[in-house]
Amino acid sequence: MALSQQKFREIVFQLLYSQELGHPSDDLMIDLMMNELSVSKRNVRLALERVQQIQQHLTEIDQSISSVSTSYDFERIQTVTKTILRVGVFELFFDSHIPPKVAIAEAIRLSRKFSTPESASFANALLDQLYRQKEGQHVDLTTMEKLTLSLKESEETAAEIAQEHPLRPEPENEEDEPDQPFPSL
């Protein structure tokens, strides 16, 4: 059965993200993707080839992202969003088979699925600015600054919520497991 471009792009994103986090072996990722996403070994191998193509252009891709994200340091961009942007920039500049508007729309879709609405807006604005630069059109950095502020506020809110409601650590072994999920008052 043929794999849709959207599903293929999701696999590429997930493989690239896993490389960013821990550099697992290709064999491990092939098995994981095949089992979790019910896709063929051939499709996962093709996605891995695309990941390698993206990694070959990573310096250029990251420089492109940094050039437009002037008020938000590249290193502060969350890994999920950064990975989505890398896929989008690769498709914009290095894959002539994908129309630019499709590359931007797909980055927005990936952001909505794997990240936040603010991330989707940020990806849309950033990729649109890069596309405009590529076409020699005027670039409006004010829009990027506004969306960057929204992304920062979203991250601050998430950090506050995480501090107010920390996750309960897992017990070391079953004997440490409390009888009740929460202490009684």
C-alpha atoms as a PDB file:
ATOM      1  CA  MET A   1       0.000   0.000   0.000  1.00  0.00           C
ATOM      2  CA  ALA A   2       1.310   3.432  -0.926  1.00  0.00           C
ATOM      3  CA  LEU A   3       2.198   5.787   1.891  1.00  0.00           C
ATOM      4  CA  SER A   4       0.741   9.305   1.790  1.00  0.00           C
ATOM      5  CA  GLN A   5       3.144  12.244   1.707  1.00  0.00           C
ATOM      6  CA  GLN A   6       1.723  13.455   5.018  1.00  0.00           C
ATOM      7  CA  LYS A   7       2.424  10.134   6.749  1.00  0.00           C
ATOM      8  CA  PHE A   8       5.889   9.999   5.154  1.00  0.00           C
ATOM      9  CA  ARG A   9       6.634  13.524   6.407  1.00  0.00           C
ATOM     10  CA  GLU A  10       5.516  12.541   9.926  1.00  0.00           C
ATOM     11  CA  ILE A  11       7.908   9.593   9.867  1.00  0.00           C
ATOM     12  CA  VAL A  12      10.728  11.861   8.673  1.00  0.00           C
ATOM     13  CA  PHE A  13       9.908  14.309  11.472  1.00  0.00           C
ATOM     14  CA  GLN A  14       9.859  11.563  14.124  1.00  0.00           C
ATOM     15  CA  LEU A  15      13.140  10.070  12.922  1.00  0.00           C
ATOM     16  CA  LEU A  16      14.847  13.461  12.775  1.00  0.00           C
ATOM     17  CA  TYR A  17      13.504  14.311  16.239  1.00  0.00           C
ATOM     18  CA  SER A  18      14.798  11.017  17.648  1.00  0.00           C
ATOM     19  CA  GLN A  19      18.226  11.750  16.142  1.00  0.00           C
ATOM     20  CA  GLU A  20      18.215  15.126  17.871  1.00  0.00           C
ATOM     21  CA  LEU A  21      17.406  13.547  21.219  1.00  0.00           C
ATOM     22  CA  GLY A  22      19.547  10.462  21.366  1.00  0.00           C
ATOM     23  CA  HIS A  23      21.007   9.123  18.120  1.00  0.00           C
ATOM     24  CA  PRO A  24      19.370   5.674  18.214  1.00  0.00           C
ATOM     25  CA  SER A  25      20.516   3.064  15.716  1.00  0.00           C
ATOM     26  CA  ASP A  26      18.801   2.905  12.351  1.00  0.00           C
ATOM     27  CA  ASP A  27      17.795  -0.718  12.969  1.00  0.00           C
ATOM     28  CA  LEU A  28      16.127   0.202  16.258  1.00  0.00           C
ATOM     29  CA  MET A  29      14.229   3.073  14.619  1.00  0.00           C
ATOM     30  CA  ILE A  30      13.172   0.943  11.656  1.00  0.00           C
ATOM     31  CA  ASP A  31      11.713  -1.693  13.989  1.00  0.00           C
ATOM     32  CA  LEU A  32      10.046   0.935  16.184  1.00  0.00           C
ATOM     33  CA  MET A  33       8.469   2.816  13.273  1.00  0.00           C
ATOM     34  CA  MET A  34       7.298  -0.388  11.611  1.00  0.00           C
ATOM     35  CA  ASN A  35       5.654  -1.607  14.822  1.00  0.00           C
ATOM     36  CA  GLU A  36       4.225   1.681  16.092  1.00  0.00           C
ATOM     37  CA  LEU A  37       3.071   3.191  12.793  1.00  0.00           C
ATOM     38  CA  SER A  38       2.325   0.030  10.807  1.00  0.00           C
ATOM     39  CA  VAL A  39       4.503   1.022   7.874  1.00  0.00           C
ATOM     40  CA  SER A  40       6.818  -1.032   5.698  1.00  0.00           C
ATOM     41  CA  LYS A  41      10.554  -1.340   6.153  1.00  0.00           C
ATOM     42  CA  ARG A  42      11.002   0.190   2.707  1.00  0.00           C
ATOM     43  CA  ASN A  43       9.070   3.331   3.696  1.00  0.00           C
ATOM     44  CA  VAL A  44      11.052   3.762   6.898  1.00  0.00           C
ATOM     45  CA  ARG A  45      14.315   3.348   4.970  1.00  0.00           C
ATOM     46  CA  LEU A  46      13.173   6.026   2.508  1.00  0.00           C
ATOM     47  CA  ALA A  47      12.352   8.299   5.443  1.00  0.00           C
ATOM     48  CA  LEU A  48      15.808   7.646   6.912  1.00  0.00           C
ATOM     49  CA  GLU A  49      17.340   8.644   3.571  1.00  0.00           C
ATOM     50  CA  ARG A  50      15.383  11.911   3.741  1.00  0.00           C
ATOM     51  CA  VAL A  51      16.642  12.471   7.308  1.00  0.00           C
ATOM     52  CA  GLN A  52      20.203  11.999   6.070  1.00  0.00           C
ATOM     53  CA  GLN A  53      19.565  14.542   3.297  1.00  0.00           C
ATOM     54  CA  ILE A  54      18.274  17.031   5.857  1.00  0.00           C
ATOM     55  CA  GLN A  55      21.286  16.410   8.094  1.00  0.00           C
ATOM     56  CA  GLN A  56      23.639  17.042   5.167  1.00  0.00           C
ATOM     57  CA  HIS A  57      22.157  20.555   4.876  1.00  0.00           C
ATOM     58  CA  LEU A  58      21.672  21.134   8.614  1.00  0.00           C
ATOM     59  CA  THR A  59      24.154  24.004   8.918  1.00  0.00           C
ATOM     60  CA  GLU A  60      22.501  25.914   6.070  1.00  0.00           C
ATOM     61  CA  ILE A  61      19.025  25.108   7.360  1.00  0.00           C
ATOM     62  CA  ASP A  62      19.808  26.264  10.894  1.00  0.00           C
ATOM     63  CA  GLN A  63      21.429  29.466   9.585  1.00  0.00           C
ATOM     64  CA  SER A  64      18.294  30.189   7.554  1.00  0.00           C
ATOM     65  CA  ILE A  65      16.096  29.732  10.617  1.00  0.00           C
ATOM     66  CA  SER A  66      18.400  31.920  12.736  1.00  0.00           C
ATOM     67  CA  SER A  67      18.459  34.670  10.109  1.00  0.00           C
ATOM     68  CA  VAL A  68      14.703  35.187  10.389  1.00  0.00           C
ATOM     69  CA  SER A  69      14.235  34.389  14.070  1.00  0.00           C
ATOM     70  CA  THR A  70      16.143  37.469  15.176  1.00  0.00           C
ATOM     71  CA  SER A  71      14.299  38.185  18.427  1.00  0.00           C
ATOM     72  CA  TYR A  72      14.206  34.546  19.535  1.00  0.00           C
ATOM     73  CA  ASP A  73      17.554  32.794  19.831  1.00  0.00           C
ATOM     74  CA  PHE A  74      17.803  29.601  17.765  1.00  0.00           C
ATOM     75  CA  GLU A  75      18.931  27.560  20.787  1.00  0.00           C
ATOM     76  CA  ARG A  76      15.771  28.553  22.685  1.00  0.00           C
ATOM     77  CA  ILE A  77      13.444  27.131  20.062  1.00  0.00           C
ATOM     78  CA  GLN A  78      11.993  23.939  21.484  1.00  0.00           C
ATOM     79  CA  THR A  79      13.299  20.757  19.896  1.00  0.00           C
ATOM     80  CA  VAL A  80       9.927  19.736  18.456  1.00  0.00           C
ATOM     81  CA  THR A  81       9.430  23.114  16.775  1.00  0.00           C
ATOM     82  CA  LYS A  82      13.041  23.262  15.630  1.00  0.00           C
ATOM     83  CA  THR A  83      12.725  19.821  14.040  1.00  0.00           C
ATOM     84  CA  ILE A  84       9.518  20.802  12.247  1.00  0.00           C
ATOM     85  CA  LEU A  85      11.193  23.973  10.986  1.00  0.00           C
ATOM     86  CA  ARG A  86      14.160  21.950   9.734  1.00  0.00           C
ATOM     87  CA  VAL A  87      11.862  19.691   7.723  1.00  0.00           C
ATOM     88  CA  GLY A  88      10.007  22.743   6.366  1.00  0.00           C
ATOM     89  CA  VAL A  89      13.161  24.656   5.414  1.00  0.00           C
ATOM     90  CA  PHE A  90      14.579  21.569   3.725  1.00  0.00           C
ATOM     91  CA  GLU A  91      11.408  21.229   1.672  1.00  0.00           C
ATOM     92  CA  LEU A  92      11.414  24.946   0.808  1.00  0.00           C
ATOM     93  CA  PHE A  93      15.030  25.163  -0.324  1.00  0.00           C
ATOM     94  CA  PHE A  94      16.291  21.679  -1.156  1.00  0.00           C
ATOM     95  CA  ASP A  95      13.329  19.657  -2.473  1.00  0.00           C
ATOM     96  CA  SER A  96      12.137  20.959  -5.832  1.00  0.00           C
ATOM     97  CA  HIS A  97       9.306  18.398  -5.956  1.00  0.00           C
ATOM     98  CA  ILE A  98       7.374  20.053  -3.128  1.00  0.00           C
ATOM     99  CA  PRO A  99       5.671  23.396  -3.851  1.00  0.00           C
ATOM    100  CA  PRO A 100       6.622  26.071  -1.274  1.00  0.00           C
ATOM    101  CA  LYS A 101       3.033  26.618  -0.114  1.00  0.00           C
ATOM    102  CA  VAL A 102       2.683  22.873   0.528  1.00  0.00           C
ATOM    103  CA  ALA A 103       5.937  22.838   2.532  1.00  0.00           C
ATOM    104  CA  ILE A 104       4.656  25.719   4.686  1.00  0.00           C
ATOM    105  CA  ALA A 105       1.174  24.209   5.101  1.00  0.00           C
ATOM    106  CA  GLU A 106       2.659  20.858   6.098  1.00  0.00           C
ATOM    107  CA  ALA A 107       4.950  22.463   8.691  1.00  0.00           C
ATOM    108  CA  ILE A 108       1.891  24.148  10.172  1.00  0.00           C
ATOM    109  CA  ARG A 109       0.052  20.803  10.216  1.00  0.00           C
ATOM    110  CA  LEU A 110       2.984  19.061  11.914  1.00  0.00           C
ATOM    111  CA  SER A 111       3.166  21.867  14.496  1.00  0.00           C
ATOM    112  CA  ARG A 112      -0.517  21.546  15.285  1.00  0.00           C
ATOM    113  CA  LYS A 113      -0.229  17.785  15.602  1.00  0.00           C
ATOM    114  CA  PHE A 114       3.038  17.511  17.544  1.00  0.00           C
ATOM    115  CA  SER A 115       3.403  20.902  19.253  1.00  0.00           C
ATOM    116  CA  THR A 116       1.247  23.943  20.101  1.00  0.00           C
ATOM    117  CA  PRO A 117      -0.923  26.487  18.273  1.00  0.00           C
ATOM    118  CA  GLU A 118       1.746  29.117  19.030  1.00  0.00           C
ATOM    119  CA  SER A 119       4.357  26.871  17.458  1.00  0.00           C
ATOM    120  CA  ALA A 120       2.189  26.535  14.349  1.00  0.00           C
ATOM    121  CA  SER A 121       1.908  30.330  14.068  1.00  0.00           C
ATOM    122  CA  PHE A 122       5.644  30.715  14.620  1.00  0.00           C
ATOM    123  CA  ALA A 123       6.445  28.081  11.964  1.00  0.00           C
ATOM    124  CA  ASN A 124       4.017  29.700   9.532  1.00  0.00           C
ATOM    125  CA  ALA A 125       5.528  33.165   9.966  1.00  0.00           C
ATOM    126  CA  LEU A 126       9.135  31.979   9.901  1.00  0.00           C
ATOM    127  CA  LEU A 127       8.751  29.809   6.806  1.00  0.00           C
ATOM    128  CA  ASP A 128       6.686  32.468   5.058  1.00  0.00           C
ATOM    129  CA  GLN A 129       9.446  35.036   5.732  1.00  0.00           C
ATOM    130  CA  LEU A 130      12.079  32.656   4.352  1.00  0.00           C
ATOM    131  CA  TYR A 131       9.943  32.005   1.285  1.00  0.00           C
ATOM    132  CA  ARG A 132       9.518  35.757   0.739  1.00  0.00           C
ATOM    133  CA  GLN A 133      13.286  36.257   1.046  1.00  0.00           C
ATOM    134  CA  LYS A 134      13.854  33.487  -1.483  1.00  0.00           C
ATOM    135  CA  GLU A 135      11.442  35.168  -3.907  1.00  0.00           C
ATOM    136  CA  GLY A 136      13.017  38.602  -3.318  1.00  0.00           C
ATOM    137  CA  GLN A 137       9.923  39.986  -1.604  1.00  0.00           C
ATOM    138  CA  HIS A 138       9.792  42.362   1.378  1.00  0.00           C
ATOM    139  CA  VAL A 139      10.253  40.665   4.747  1.00  0.00           C
ATOM    140  CA  ASP A 140       8.191  41.992   7.665  1.00  0.00           C
ATOM    141  CA  LEU A 141      10.164  41.270  10.842  1.00  0.00           C
ATOM    142  CA  THR A 142       7.504  42.972  13.017  1.00  0.00           C
ATOM    143  CA  THR A 143       5.208  39.992  12.467  1.00  0.00           C
ATOM    144  CA  MET A 144       7.977  37.619  13.546  1.00  0.00           C
ATOM    145  CA  GLU A 145       8.612  39.665  16.697  1.00  0.00           C
ATOM    146  CA  LYS A 146       4.908  39.543  17.655  1.00  0.00           C
ATOM    147  CA  LEU A 147       4.706  35.789  17.133  1.00  0.00           C
ATOM    148  CA  THR A 148       7.961  35.284  19.001  1.00  0.00           C
ATOM    149  CA  LEU A 149       6.510  37.165  21.966  1.00  0.00           C
ATOM    150  CA  SER A 150       3.429  34.927  21.851  1.00  0.00           C
ATOM    151  CA  LEU A 151       5.641  31.823  21.781  1.00  0.00           C
ATOM    152  CA  LYS A 152       7.683  33.097  24.752  1.00  0.00           C
ATOM    153  CA  GLU A 153       4.513  33.789  26.752  1.00  0.00           C
ATOM    154  CA  SER A 154       3.228  30.309  25.997  1.00  0.00           C
ATOM    155  CA  GLU A 155       6.490  28.746  27.184  1.00  0.00           C
ATOM    156  CA  GLU A 156       6.472  30.843  30.377  1.00  0.00           C
ATOM    157  CA  THR A 157       2.893  29.778  31.126  1.00  0.00           C
ATOM    158  CA  ALA A 158       3.795  26.128  30.572  1.00  0.00           C
ATOM    159  CA  ALA A 159       6.825  26.473  32.874  1.00  0.00           C
ATOM    160  CA  GLU A 160       4.685  28.064  35.607  1.00  0.00           C
ATOM    161  CA  ILE A 161       2.104  25.292  35.373  1.00  0.00           C
ATOM    162  CA  ALA A 162       4.855  22.657  35.508  1.00  0.00           C
ATOM    163  CA  GLN A 163       6.247  24.205  38.690  1.00  0.00           C
ATOM    164  CA  GLU A 164       2.823  24.496  40.315  1.00  0.00           C
ATOM    165  CA  HIS A 165       1.912  20.910  39.438  1.00  0.00           C
ATOM    166  CA  PRO A 166       5.052  18.777  39.285  1.00  0.00           C
ATOM    167  CA  LEU A 167       4.753  15.193  38.172  1.00  0.00           C
ATOM    168  CA  ARG A 168       4.975  12.631  40.938  1.00  0.00           C
ATOM    169  CA  PRO A 169       8.160  10.582  40.526  1.00  0.00           C
ATOM    170  CA  GLU A 170       7.768   6.908  39.742  1.00  0.00           C
ATOM    171  CA  PRO A 171       8.556   4.571  42.668  1.00  0.00           C
ATOM    172  CA  GLU A 172      11.873   2.721  42.580  1.00  0.00           C
ATOM    173  CA  ASN A 173      10.163  -0.648  43.035  1.00  0.00           C
ATOM    174  CA  GLU A 174       6.741  -2.057  43.805  1.00  0.00           C
ATOM    175  CA  GLU A 175       7.359  -2.029  47.571  1.00  0.00           C
ATOM    176  CA  ASP A 176       7.683   1.757  47.429  1.00  0.00           C
ATOM    177  CA  GLU A 177       4.291   2.029  45.741  1.00  0.00           C
ATOM    178  CA  PRO A 178       1.801   3.648  48.118  1.00  0.00           C
ATOM    179  CA  ASP A 179      -1.488   1.870  48.799  1.00  0.00           C
ATOM    180  CA  GLN A 180      -3.376   5.030  47.887  1.00  0.00           C
ATOM    181  CA  PRO A 181      -2.605   7.237  44.897  1.00  0.00           C
ATOM    182  CA  PHE A 182      -2.544  10.335  47.113  1.00  0.00           C
ATOM    183  CA  PRO A 183      -1.932  10.758  50.824  1.00  0.00           C
ATOM    184  CA  SER A 184      -5.098  11.049  52.869  1.00  0.00           C
ATOM    185  CA  LEU A 185      -5.854  14.295  54.642  1.00  0.00           C
END
